[in-house]
Amino acid sequence: MKIAIIGSGNVGGALASGWAEAGHHITFGVRNMEEFKGNRLGNVKNITTSSIAEAVQKSDVIVLAAVPQAVESIVQSIGDVHDKVIIDAMNSVRVKPEPYANTTEALVKLTNCKDIVKCFNTTGAENMRNPNYNGVGIDMFYAGDSDKAKQICEKLAKDLGFENIYNFGGNDKFNLLEQFALSWINLAIMQGYGRDIAFKVLKR
């Protein structure tokens, strides 16, 4: 799969490394190569860098792992994405992309993409890099109206090593999924349990 990642912080870097290892072709879309945080990843097999517009143009899937306040400027950079899949891995629990309630809602409103999904936002980068806990794969979660985008997320999550991916519902569940992310942040950071914790759905 050809994937453009916009955002080269901890989450973007972890996703890029895992997917490149699984055989996907990753292009980081960057504004300024000199300030690019993931320069070391540019030397990894299956990972390259280019302008945001070029990365989007040559990819089938666009993953946004940037800061919420950058959403509008990113949308202006990516241009026509009607035939792409957008995966929003961002959270706006602290800063919202005003006037929108969350980053995924903003993407739905501001782009002409019909296949948008929120995913890879509910846990830390450490779990993106290694979702294996004592031989058990942890779970991932998504929300959105697009079945196509969800199917792609399921494939990509399993390529990283997540065991199951659970459906939170449609576009109306974007905020709920962000609150779920805040639950992980609260436990891991605010309550001091550490970042090596994860969610797993158990069935009786």
N, C-alpha and C. Protein backbone atom coordinates (compact mmCIF):
# COMPACT_ATOMS: atom_id res chain seq x y z
N MET A 1 0.85 -1.18 0.00
CA MET A 1 0.00 0.00 0.00
C MET A 1 0.89 1.25 0.00
N LYS A 2 0.51 2.28 -0.71
CA LYS A 2 1.26 3.53 -0.74
C LYS A 2 0.60 4.51 0.23
N ILE A 3 1.36 4.90 1.26
CA ILE A 3 0.81 5.68 2.36
C ILE A 3 1.59 6.98 2.53
N ALA A 4 0.88 8.10 2.56
CA ALA A 4 1.48 9.39 2.90
C ALA A 4 1.20 9.67 4.37
N ILE A 5 2.23 10.03 5.11
CA ILE A 5 2.06 10.41 6.51
C ILE A 5 2.44 11.87 6.68
N ILE A 6 1.52 12.64 7.23
CA ILE A 6 1.77 14.05 7.50
C ILE A 6 1.83 14.21 9.00
N GLY A 7 3.03 14.49 9.49
CA GLY A 7 3.28 14.53 10.93
C GLY A 7 4.36 13.52 11.26
N SER A 8 5.52 13.99 11.70
CA SER A 8 6.66 13.10 11.90
C SER A 8 7.08 13.01 13.36
N GLY A 9 6.12 13.23 14.25
CA GLY A 9 6.39 13.09 15.67
C GLY A 9 6.42 11.62 16.08
N ASN A 10 6.18 11.36 17.35
CA ASN A 10 6.27 9.99 17.87
C ASN A 10 5.28 9.04 17.19
N VAL A 11 4.03 9.48 17.04
CA VAL A 11 3.02 8.60 16.43
C VAL A 11 3.30 8.39 14.95
N GLY A 12 3.54 9.48 14.21
CA GLY A 12 3.83 9.34 12.79
C GLY A 12 5.04 8.47 12.53
N GLY A 13 6.08 8.65 13.35
CA GLY A 13 7.29 7.84 13.19
C GLY A 13 7.06 6.38 13.50
N ALA A 14 6.29 6.10 14.56
CA ALA A 14 6.01 4.71 14.92
C ALA A 14 5.19 4.01 13.84
N LEU A 15 4.18 4.69 13.32
CA LEU A 15 3.35 4.10 12.27
C LEU A 15 4.18 3.85 11.02
N ALA A 16 5.01 4.83 10.65
CA ALA A 16 5.84 4.69 9.45
C ALA A 16 6.76 3.49 9.56
N SER A 17 7.44 3.35 10.69
CA SER A 17 8.39 2.25 10.86
C SER A 17 7.71 0.89 10.77
N GLY A 18 6.57 0.76 11.45
CA GLY A 18 5.86 -0.51 11.45
C GLY A 18 5.33 -0.88 10.09
N TRP A 19 4.76 0.08 9.40
CA TRP A 19 4.20 -0.22 8.08
C TRP A 19 5.28 -0.46 7.05
N ALA A 20 6.39 0.26 7.15
CA ALA A 20 7.50 0.02 6.22
C ALA A 20 8.04 -1.39 6.41
N GLU A 21 8.15 -1.82 7.65
CA GLU A 21 8.62 -3.17 7.93
C GLU A 21 7.67 -4.22 7.38
N ALA A 22 6.37 -3.88 7.34
CA ALA A 22 5.36 -4.81 6.82
C ALA A 22 5.31 -4.79 5.29
N GLY A 23 6.11 -3.93 4.66
CA GLY A 23 6.19 -3.91 3.20
C GLY A 23 5.44 -2.78 2.51
N HIS A 24 4.81 -1.90 3.28
CA HIS A 24 4.13 -0.77 2.67
C HIS A 24 5.14 0.32 2.30
N HIS A 25 4.77 1.16 1.35
CA HIS A 25 5.65 2.24 0.91
C HIS A 25 5.17 3.55 1.52
N ILE A 26 6.02 4.15 2.34
CA ILE A 26 5.65 5.32 3.13
C ILE A 26 6.35 6.56 2.57
N THR A 27 5.59 7.63 2.43
CA THR A 27 6.18 8.92 2.08
C THR A 27 5.76 9.94 3.12
N PHE A 28 6.72 10.52 3.82
CA PHE A 28 6.41 11.61 4.73
C PHE A 28 6.21 12.88 3.92
N GLY A 29 5.08 13.53 4.12
CA GLY A 29 4.84 14.82 3.50
C GLY A 29 5.27 15.91 4.45
N VAL A 30 6.25 16.73 4.04
CA VAL A 30 6.83 17.71 4.94
C VAL A 30 6.82 19.11 4.31
N ARG A 31 6.76 20.11 5.16
CA ARG A 31 6.80 21.50 4.70
C ARG A 31 8.24 21.97 4.54
N ASN A 32 9.09 21.60 5.50
CA ASN A 32 10.46 22.08 5.53
C ASN A 32 11.39 20.92 5.85
N MET A 33 12.19 20.51 4.88
CA MET A 33 13.06 19.36 5.07
C MET A 33 14.09 19.60 6.18
N GLU A 34 14.53 20.84 6.35
CA GLU A 34 15.53 21.13 7.37
C GLU A 34 14.98 20.96 8.78
N GLU A 35 13.66 21.14 8.94
CA GLU A 35 13.05 21.00 10.26
C GLU A 35 12.34 19.66 10.42
N PHE A 36 12.50 18.78 9.46
CA PHE A 36 11.80 17.49 9.47
C PHE A 36 12.27 16.63 10.63
N LYS A 37 11.35 16.28 11.53
CA LYS A 37 11.70 15.52 12.74
C LYS A 37 12.11 14.08 12.43
N GLY A 38 11.67 13.56 11.31
CA GLY A 38 11.90 12.14 11.03
C GLY A 38 13.04 11.90 10.06
N ASN A 39 14.05 12.77 10.05
CA ASN A 39 15.14 12.62 9.09
C ASN A 39 15.78 11.23 9.14
N ARG A 40 15.93 10.68 10.34
CA ARG A 40 16.54 9.36 10.45
C ARG A 40 15.68 8.29 9.79
N LEU A 41 14.35 8.50 9.75
CA LEU A 41 13.48 7.52 9.12
C LEU A 41 13.60 7.55 7.60
N GLY A 42 14.07 8.68 7.07
CA GLY A 42 14.23 8.79 5.63
C GLY A 42 15.26 7.83 5.08
N ASN A 43 16.09 7.25 5.96
CA ASN A 43 17.11 6.29 5.53
C ASN A 43 16.64 4.85 5.70
N VAL A 44 15.40 4.65 6.13
CA VAL A 44 14.85 3.32 6.33
C VAL A 44 14.23 2.83 5.02
N LYS A 45 14.40 1.56 4.74
CA LYS A 45 13.82 0.98 3.52
C LYS A 45 12.31 1.22 3.48
N ASN A 46 11.80 1.57 2.33
CA ASN A 46 10.37 1.81 2.09
C ASN A 46 9.87 3.14 2.65
N ILE A 47 10.77 4.00 3.16
CA ILE A 47 10.36 5.30 3.67
C ILE A 47 11.11 6.39 2.92
N THR A 48 10.36 7.34 2.34
CA THR A 48 10.96 8.48 1.66
C THR A 48 10.28 9.75 2.15
N THR A 49 10.79 10.89 1.72
CA THR A 49 10.18 12.16 2.09
C THR A 49 10.00 13.02 0.83
N SER A 50 9.00 13.88 0.88
CA SER A 50 8.76 14.81 -0.22
C SER A 50 7.87 15.94 0.30
N SER A 51 7.48 16.84 -0.57
CA SER A 51 6.53 17.87 -0.18
C SER A 51 5.19 17.20 0.16
N ILE A 52 4.36 17.90 0.88
CA ILE A 52 3.05 17.35 1.25
C ILE A 52 2.24 17.04 0.00
N ALA A 53 2.19 17.96 -0.94
CA ALA A 53 1.40 17.76 -2.16
C ALA A 53 1.87 16.55 -2.94
N GLU A 54 3.20 16.38 -3.06
CA GLU A 54 3.73 15.24 -3.82
C GLU A 54 3.47 13.93 -3.09
N ALA A 55 3.62 13.93 -1.78
CA ALA A 55 3.37 12.72 -1.00
C ALA A 55 1.93 12.25 -1.16
N VAL A 56 1.01 13.20 -1.10
CA VAL A 56 -0.42 12.88 -1.25
C VAL A 56 -0.72 12.39 -2.65
N GLN A 57 -0.15 13.05 -3.64
CA GLN A 57 -0.44 12.70 -5.03
C GLN A 57 -0.06 11.26 -5.36
N LYS A 58 1.06 10.78 -4.82
CA LYS A 58 1.52 9.45 -5.19
C LYS A 58 1.10 8.35 -4.21
N SER A 59 0.20 8.69 -3.28
CA SER A 59 -0.25 7.72 -2.28
C SER A 59 -1.74 7.46 -2.40
N ASP A 60 -2.15 6.29 -1.92
CA ASP A 60 -3.56 5.93 -1.89
C ASP A 60 -4.21 6.29 -0.56
N VAL A 61 -3.40 6.28 0.49
CA VAL A 61 -3.88 6.52 1.85
C VAL A 61 -3.10 7.67 2.45
N ILE A 62 -3.81 8.59 3.11
CA ILE A 62 -3.18 9.72 3.78
C ILE A 62 -3.44 9.59 5.28
N VAL A 63 -2.37 9.58 6.06
CA VAL A 63 -2.49 9.51 7.51
C VAL A 63 -2.06 10.84 8.10
N LEU A 64 -2.95 11.44 8.89
CA LEU A 64 -2.63 12.71 9.53
C LEU A 64 -2.29 12.47 11.00
N ALA A 65 -1.06 12.82 11.36
CA ALA A 65 -0.60 12.65 12.73
C ALA A 65 0.06 13.94 13.20
N ALA A 66 -0.55 15.05 12.85
CA ALA A 66 -0.02 16.38 13.17
C ALA A 66 -0.77 16.96 14.36
N VAL A 67 -0.57 18.26 14.61
CA VAL A 67 -1.28 18.92 15.71
C VAL A 67 -2.62 19.45 15.20
N PRO A 68 -3.64 19.48 16.04
CA PRO A 68 -4.98 19.87 15.59
C PRO A 68 -5.05 21.24 14.93
N GLN A 69 -4.28 22.19 15.45
CA GLN A 69 -4.35 23.55 14.91
C GLN A 69 -3.76 23.67 13.50
N ALA A 70 -3.12 22.58 13.02
CA ALA A 70 -2.54 22.61 11.67
C ALA A 70 -3.49 22.05 10.62
N VAL A 71 -4.66 21.59 11.03
CA VAL A 71 -5.56 20.90 10.10
C VAL A 71 -5.90 21.74 8.88
N GLU A 72 -6.29 22.98 9.11
CA GLU A 72 -6.73 23.82 7.98
C GLU A 72 -5.60 24.05 6.98
N SER A 73 -4.41 24.32 7.47
CA SER A 73 -3.29 24.55 6.55
C SER A 73 -2.89 23.27 5.83
N ILE A 74 -3.03 22.12 6.50
CA ILE A 74 -2.75 20.83 5.85
C ILE A 74 -3.74 20.59 4.72
N VAL A 75 -5.01 20.86 4.99
CA VAL A 75 -6.04 20.68 3.97
C VAL A 75 -5.72 21.53 2.73
N GLN A 76 -5.26 22.73 2.94
CA GLN A 76 -4.90 23.59 1.81
C GLN A 76 -3.73 23.02 1.02
N SER A 77 -2.85 22.29 1.71
CA SER A 77 -1.67 21.72 1.05
C SER A 77 -1.97 20.45 0.28
N ILE A 78 -2.94 19.65 0.75
CA ILE A 78 -3.15 18.34 0.13
C ILE A 78 -4.00 18.41 -1.14
N GLY A 79 -4.78 19.47 -1.30
CA GLY A 79 -5.53 19.65 -2.54
C GLY A 79 -6.66 18.64 -2.73
N ASP A 80 -6.84 18.20 -3.96
CA ASP A 80 -7.94 17.30 -4.33
C ASP A 80 -7.66 15.89 -3.81
N VAL A 81 -8.51 15.40 -2.91
CA VAL A 81 -8.32 14.07 -2.33
C VAL A 81 -9.59 13.23 -2.45
N HIS A 82 -10.38 13.49 -3.49
CA HIS A 82 -11.66 12.81 -3.62
C HIS A 82 -11.50 11.30 -3.80
N ASP A 83 -10.35 10.87 -4.33
CA ASP A 83 -10.15 9.45 -4.59
C ASP A 83 -9.18 8.81 -3.58
N LYS A 84 -8.90 9.49 -2.47
CA LYS A 84 -7.98 8.99 -1.46
C LYS A 84 -8.76 8.50 -0.23
N VAL A 85 -8.04 7.81 0.64
CA VAL A 85 -8.55 7.46 1.97
C VAL A 85 -7.77 8.27 2.98
N ILE A 86 -8.48 8.94 3.88
CA ILE A 86 -7.81 9.73 4.93
C ILE A 86 -8.03 9.05 6.28
N ILE A 87 -6.92 8.81 6.99
CA ILE A 87 -6.97 8.28 8.35
C ILE A 87 -6.50 9.37 9.30
N ASP A 88 -7.37 9.74 10.21
CA ASP A 88 -7.05 10.78 11.18
C ASP A 88 -6.56 10.14 12.47
N ALA A 89 -5.27 10.29 12.76
CA ALA A 89 -4.69 9.74 13.98
C ALA A 89 -4.48 10.82 15.04
N MET A 90 -5.14 11.95 14.87
CA MET A 90 -4.95 13.08 15.78
C MET A 90 -6.02 13.10 16.87
N ASN A 91 -5.74 13.86 17.91
CA ASN A 91 -6.71 14.12 18.98
C ASN A 91 -6.78 15.60 19.25
N SER A 92 -7.98 16.08 19.55
CA SER A 92 -8.15 17.50 19.88
C SER A 92 -8.73 17.64 21.28
N VAL A 93 -8.25 16.81 22.19
CA VAL A 93 -8.78 16.86 23.56
C VAL A 93 -8.29 18.09 24.30
N ARG A 94 -7.17 18.66 23.88
CA ARG A 94 -6.67 19.89 24.52
C ARG A 94 -6.89 21.12 23.64
N VAL A 95 -6.60 20.99 22.35
CA VAL A 95 -6.75 22.11 21.42
C VAL A 95 -7.63 21.66 20.27
N LYS A 96 -8.70 22.40 20.01
CA LYS A 96 -9.63 22.04 18.94
C LYS A 96 -9.35 22.88 17.69
N PRO A 97 -9.61 22.31 16.51
CA PRO A 97 -9.46 23.07 15.26
C PRO A 97 -10.69 23.94 15.03
N GLU A 98 -10.81 24.98 15.80
CA GLU A 98 -12.01 25.84 15.75
C GLU A 98 -12.37 26.22 14.31
N PRO A 99 -13.66 26.21 13.99
CA PRO A 99 -14.84 26.07 14.86
C PRO A 99 -15.35 24.64 14.97
N TYR A 100 -14.52 23.66 14.63
CA TYR A 100 -14.98 22.27 14.58
C TYR A 100 -14.74 21.58 15.93
N ALA A 101 -15.57 20.58 16.20
CA ALA A 101 -15.50 19.89 17.49
C ALA A 101 -14.27 19.01 17.62
N ASN A 102 -13.77 18.52 16.49
CA ASN A 102 -12.60 17.65 16.51
C ASN A 102 -11.95 17.65 15.12
N THR A 103 -10.78 17.06 15.04
CA THR A 103 -10.02 17.10 13.79
C THR A 103 -10.70 16.33 12.66
N THR A 104 -11.33 15.23 12.98
CA THR A 104 -11.95 14.43 11.92
C THR A 104 -13.17 15.12 11.34
N GLU A 105 -13.95 15.76 12.20
CA GLU A 105 -15.07 16.55 11.70
C GLU A 105 -14.57 17.65 10.77
N ALA A 106 -13.46 18.28 11.14
CA ALA A 106 -12.88 19.33 10.29
C ALA A 106 -12.49 18.77 8.92
N LEU A 107 -11.90 17.59 8.90
CA LEU A 107 -11.49 16.98 7.64
C LEU A 107 -12.70 16.64 6.77
N VAL A 108 -13.76 16.17 7.39
CA VAL A 108 -14.99 15.88 6.64
C VAL A 108 -15.55 17.14 6.00
N LYS A 109 -15.51 18.24 6.74
CA LYS A 109 -16.09 19.49 6.27
C LYS A 109 -15.19 20.21 5.25
N LEU A 110 -13.88 20.10 5.42
CA LEU A 110 -12.95 20.92 4.65
C LEU A 110 -12.39 20.25 3.41
N THR A 111 -12.50 18.93 3.30
CA THR A 111 -11.97 18.23 2.12
C THR A 111 -13.11 17.68 1.28
N ASN A 112 -12.76 17.22 0.08
CA ASN A 112 -13.75 16.55 -0.77
C ASN A 112 -13.59 15.04 -0.73
N CYS A 113 -12.97 14.55 0.36
CA CYS A 113 -12.76 13.11 0.53
C CYS A 113 -13.99 12.49 1.18
N LYS A 114 -14.45 11.39 0.61
CA LYS A 114 -15.62 10.69 1.16
C LYS A 114 -15.23 9.51 2.05
N ASP A 115 -13.96 9.14 2.02
CA ASP A 115 -13.49 7.97 2.78
C ASP A 115 -12.54 8.44 3.89
N ILE A 116 -13.14 8.88 4.99
CA ILE A 116 -12.39 9.41 6.13
C ILE A 116 -12.72 8.58 7.36
N VAL A 117 -11.71 8.25 8.14
CA VAL A 117 -11.90 7.45 9.34
C VAL A 117 -10.96 7.96 10.42
N LYS A 118 -11.40 7.86 11.67
CA LYS A 118 -10.53 8.19 12.81
C LYS A 118 -9.99 6.89 13.39
N CYS A 119 -8.68 6.78 13.47
CA CYS A 119 -8.07 5.55 13.97
C CYS A 119 -6.63 5.85 14.41
N PHE A 120 -6.02 4.95 15.16
CA PHE A 120 -4.65 5.08 15.64
C PHE A 120 -4.46 6.32 16.51
N ASN A 121 -5.51 6.69 17.23
CA ASN A 121 -5.46 7.85 18.11
C ASN A 121 -5.67 7.50 19.58
N THR A 122 -5.95 6.23 19.88
CA THR A 122 -6.42 5.88 21.23
C THR A 122 -5.35 5.31 22.14
N THR A 123 -4.10 5.30 21.70
CA THR A 123 -3.03 4.77 22.54
C THR A 123 -1.74 5.50 22.20
N GLY A 124 -0.69 5.24 22.97
CA GLY A 124 0.57 5.95 22.77
C GLY A 124 1.44 5.35 21.68
N ALA A 125 2.45 6.11 21.29
CA ALA A 125 3.36 5.67 20.23
C ALA A 125 4.08 4.39 20.61
N GLU A 126 4.33 4.19 21.91
CA GLU A 126 5.00 2.97 22.35
C GLU A 126 4.20 1.73 21.95
N ASN A 127 2.88 1.83 22.05
CA ASN A 127 2.02 0.71 21.67
C ASN A 127 1.88 0.57 20.16
N MET A 128 2.09 1.65 19.42
CA MET A 128 2.12 1.54 17.96
C MET A 128 3.36 0.75 17.52
N ARG A 129 4.47 1.04 18.22
CA ARG A 129 5.72 0.35 17.88
C ARG A 129 5.68 -1.12 18.28
N ASN A 130 5.07 -1.40 19.41
CA ASN A 130 5.03 -2.78 19.89
C ASN A 130 3.71 -3.04 20.61
N PRO A 131 2.69 -3.54 19.87
CA PRO A 131 1.39 -3.81 20.48
C PRO A 131 1.29 -5.20 21.11
N ASN A 132 2.44 -5.84 21.35
CA ASN A 132 2.46 -7.19 21.92
C ASN A 132 2.71 -7.12 23.41
N TYR A 133 1.75 -7.66 24.18
CA TYR A 133 1.87 -7.72 25.64
C TYR A 133 1.91 -9.19 26.06
N ASN A 134 3.11 -9.67 26.37
CA ASN A 134 3.26 -11.05 26.82
C ASN A 134 2.62 -12.05 25.87
N GLY A 135 2.83 -11.82 24.58
CA GLY A 135 2.33 -12.75 23.57
C GLY A 135 0.92 -12.48 23.09
N VAL A 136 0.29 -11.43 23.61
CA VAL A 136 -1.09 -11.09 23.22
C VAL A 136 -1.09 -9.73 22.55
N GLY A 137 -1.72 -9.65 21.38
CA GLY A 137 -1.84 -8.37 20.69
C GLY A 137 -2.95 -7.53 21.30
N ILE A 138 -2.67 -6.26 21.56
CA ILE A 138 -3.69 -5.38 22.09
C ILE A 138 -4.65 -4.97 20.97
N ASP A 139 -5.68 -4.19 21.29
CA ASP A 139 -6.72 -3.87 20.33
C ASP A 139 -6.64 -2.40 19.87
N MET A 140 -7.20 -2.17 18.68
CA MET A 140 -7.29 -0.83 18.12
C MET A 140 -8.76 -0.54 17.84
N PHE A 141 -9.09 0.74 17.67
CA PHE A 141 -10.48 1.17 17.56
C PHE A 141 -10.60 2.24 16.47
N TYR A 142 -11.77 2.27 15.80
CA TYR A 142 -11.97 3.29 14.77
C TYR A 142 -13.40 3.77 14.76
N ALA A 143 -13.62 4.92 14.06
CA ALA A 143 -14.96 5.46 13.89
C ALA A 143 -15.02 6.19 12.56
N GLY A 144 -16.17 6.10 11.91
CA GLY A 144 -16.37 6.79 10.64
C GLY A 144 -17.46 6.13 9.82
N ASP A 145 -17.96 6.86 8.83
CA ASP A 145 -19.03 6.35 7.98
C ASP A 145 -18.53 5.48 6.83
N SER A 146 -17.24 5.56 6.51
CA SER A 146 -16.71 4.88 5.33
C SER A 146 -16.29 3.44 5.62
N ASP A 147 -16.99 2.49 5.02
CA ASP A 147 -16.60 1.09 5.16
C ASP A 147 -15.26 0.82 4.50
N LYS A 148 -15.01 1.47 3.38
CA LYS A 148 -13.73 1.30 2.68
C LYS A 148 -12.56 1.71 3.56
N ALA A 149 -12.68 2.87 4.19
CA ALA A 149 -11.60 3.35 5.05
C ALA A 149 -11.41 2.44 6.26
N LYS A 150 -12.50 1.92 6.79
CA LYS A 150 -12.40 1.02 7.94
C LYS A 150 -11.71 -0.28 7.57
N GLN A 151 -12.01 -0.81 6.40
CA GLN A 151 -11.35 -2.04 5.95
C GLN A 151 -9.84 -1.84 5.82
N ILE A 152 -9.45 -0.69 5.31
CA ILE A 152 -8.02 -0.40 5.18
C ILE A 152 -7.38 -0.26 6.56
N CYS A 153 -8.06 0.40 7.49
CA CYS A 153 -7.55 0.51 8.86
C CYS A 153 -7.36 -0.85 9.50
N GLU A 154 -8.31 -1.73 9.26
CA GLU A 154 -8.20 -3.07 9.85
C GLU A 154 -6.95 -3.78 9.34
N LYS A 155 -6.71 -3.69 8.04
CA LYS A 155 -5.51 -4.29 7.45
C LYS A 155 -4.25 -3.67 8.04
N LEU A 156 -4.21 -2.34 8.10
CA LEU A 156 -3.02 -1.66 8.59
C LEU A 156 -2.78 -1.90 10.08
N ALA A 157 -3.84 -1.98 10.86
CA ALA A 157 -3.69 -2.26 12.30
C ALA A 157 -3.11 -3.65 12.51
N LYS A 158 -3.60 -4.61 11.77
CA LYS A 158 -3.10 -5.98 11.93
C LYS A 158 -1.67 -6.11 11.42
N ASP A 159 -1.32 -5.31 10.42
CA ASP A 159 0.07 -5.31 9.95
C ASP A 159 1.03 -4.80 11.01
N LEU A 160 0.53 -3.95 11.91
CA LEU A 160 1.35 -3.45 13.01
C LEU A 160 1.44 -4.46 14.15
N GLY A 161 0.50 -5.41 14.20
CA GLY A 161 0.50 -6.40 15.27
C GLY A 161 -0.66 -6.29 16.23
N PHE A 162 -1.61 -5.36 15.98
CA PHE A 162 -2.81 -5.30 16.81
C PHE A 162 -3.66 -6.54 16.53
N GLU A 163 -4.27 -7.10 17.57
CA GLU A 163 -5.01 -8.34 17.38
C GLU A 163 -6.37 -8.12 16.75
N ASN A 164 -7.13 -7.19 17.32
CA ASN A 164 -8.48 -6.90 16.81
C ASN A 164 -8.65 -5.39 16.66
N ILE A 165 -9.57 -5.02 15.77
CA ILE A 165 -9.93 -3.61 15.64
C ILE A 165 -11.44 -3.50 15.78
N TYR A 166 -11.88 -2.64 16.69
CA TYR A 166 -13.29 -2.55 17.02
C TYR A 166 -13.91 -1.25 16.50
N ASN A 167 -15.15 -1.38 16.05
CA ASN A 167 -15.89 -0.29 15.42
C ASN A 167 -16.66 0.51 16.46
N PHE A 168 -16.30 1.78 16.66
CA PHE A 168 -17.02 2.64 17.59
C PHE A 168 -18.30 3.19 16.96
N GLY A 169 -18.43 3.09 15.64
CA GLY A 169 -19.62 3.61 14.96
C GLY A 169 -19.23 4.57 13.85
N GLY A 170 -20.17 5.43 13.48
CA GLY A 170 -19.99 6.33 12.35
C GLY A 170 -19.35 7.65 12.72
N ASN A 171 -19.54 8.64 11.85
CA ASN A 171 -18.95 9.96 12.07
C ASN A 171 -19.42 10.61 13.37
N ASP A 172 -20.60 10.22 13.84
CA ASP A 172 -21.11 10.81 15.08
C ASP A 172 -20.36 10.32 16.32
N LYS A 173 -19.44 9.38 16.14
CA LYS A 173 -18.68 8.84 17.27
C LYS A 173 -17.24 9.36 17.32
N PHE A 174 -16.91 10.36 16.51
CA PHE A 174 -15.56 10.91 16.53
C PHE A 174 -15.21 11.43 17.92
N ASN A 175 -16.13 12.21 18.53
CA ASN A 175 -15.86 12.76 19.86
C ASN A 175 -15.72 11.67 20.91
N LEU A 176 -16.54 10.64 20.80
CA LEU A 176 -16.47 9.53 21.76
C LEU A 176 -15.11 8.84 21.67
N LEU A 177 -14.61 8.66 20.46
CA LEU A 177 -13.31 8.02 20.29
C LEU A 177 -12.19 8.89 20.87
N GLU A 178 -12.35 10.21 20.77
CA GLU A 178 -11.36 11.09 21.38
C GLU A 178 -11.43 11.02 22.91
N GLN A 179 -12.62 10.88 23.45
CA GLN A 179 -12.75 10.73 24.90
C GLN A 179 -12.12 9.41 25.37
N PHE A 180 -12.22 8.39 24.52
CA PHE A 180 -11.58 7.11 24.83
C PHE A 180 -10.06 7.29 24.86
N ALA A 181 -9.55 8.09 23.91
CA ALA A 181 -8.12 8.40 23.91
C ALA A 181 -7.73 9.13 25.18
N LEU A 182 -8.58 10.06 25.61
CA LEU A 182 -8.30 10.81 26.83
C LEU A 182 -8.27 9.88 28.05
N SER A 183 -9.03 8.80 28.00
CA SER A 183 -9.01 7.83 29.10
C SER A 183 -7.63 7.19 29.21
N TRP A 184 -7.05 6.84 28.05
CA TRP A 184 -5.69 6.27 28.07
C TRP A 184 -4.69 7.31 28.58
N ILE A 185 -4.80 8.53 28.09
CA ILE A 185 -3.90 9.60 28.52
C ILE A 185 -4.01 9.83 30.03
N ASN A 186 -5.24 9.80 30.53
CA ASN A 186 -5.46 10.01 31.96
C ASN A 186 -4.77 8.93 32.79
N LEU A 187 -4.96 7.66 32.40
CA LEU A 187 -4.36 6.57 33.15
C LEU A 187 -2.84 6.57 33.04
N ALA A 188 -2.36 6.70 31.79
CA ALA A 188 -0.93 6.57 31.55
C ALA A 188 -0.13 7.73 32.13
N ILE A 189 -0.65 8.94 31.99
CA ILE A 189 0.15 10.12 32.34
C ILE A 189 -0.35 10.79 33.62
N MET A 190 -1.64 11.16 33.63
CA MET A 190 -2.15 11.92 34.78
C MET A 190 -2.20 11.08 36.05
N GLN A 191 -2.55 9.82 35.92
CA GLN A 191 -2.63 8.94 37.09
C GLN A 191 -1.33 8.18 37.34
N GLY A 192 -0.37 8.33 36.43
CA GLY A 192 0.97 7.80 36.67
C GLY A 192 1.16 6.32 36.45
N TYR A 193 0.29 5.67 35.70
CA TYR A 193 0.48 4.23 35.46
C TYR A 193 1.55 3.94 34.42
N GLY A 194 1.99 4.96 33.70
CA GLY A 194 3.04 4.77 32.71
C GLY A 194 2.48 4.48 31.33
N ARG A 195 3.29 4.70 30.31
CA ARG A 195 2.83 4.60 28.93
C ARG A 195 2.76 3.17 28.41
N ASP A 196 3.31 2.21 29.16
CA ASP A 196 3.23 0.82 28.74
C ASP A 196 1.98 0.15 29.30
N ILE A 197 0.83 0.77 29.04
CA ILE A 197 -0.46 0.18 29.36
C ILE A 197 -1.31 0.23 28.09
N ALA A 198 -2.29 -0.66 28.01
CA ALA A 198 -3.10 -0.72 26.79
C ALA A 198 -4.48 -1.28 27.09
N PHE A 199 -5.39 -1.08 26.13
CA PHE A 199 -6.75 -1.59 26.26
C PHE A 199 -6.92 -2.88 25.48
N LYS A 200 -7.64 -3.82 26.06
CA LYS A 200 -7.95 -5.08 25.42
C LYS A 200 -9.40 -5.44 25.71
N VAL A 201 -10.19 -5.69 24.66
CA VAL A 201 -11.58 -6.10 24.83
C VAL A 201 -11.61 -7.60 25.08
N LEU A 202 -12.25 -8.00 26.17
CA LEU A 202 -12.38 -9.42 26.50
C LEU A 202 -13.83 -9.84 26.31
N LYS A 203 -14.03 -11.04 25.80
CA LYS A 203 -15.38 -11.56 25.58
C LYS A 203 -15.56 -12.84 26.38
N ARG A 204 -16.74 -12.99 26.98
CA ARG A 204 -17.04 -14.20 27.72
C ARG A 204 -17.81 -15.17 26.84
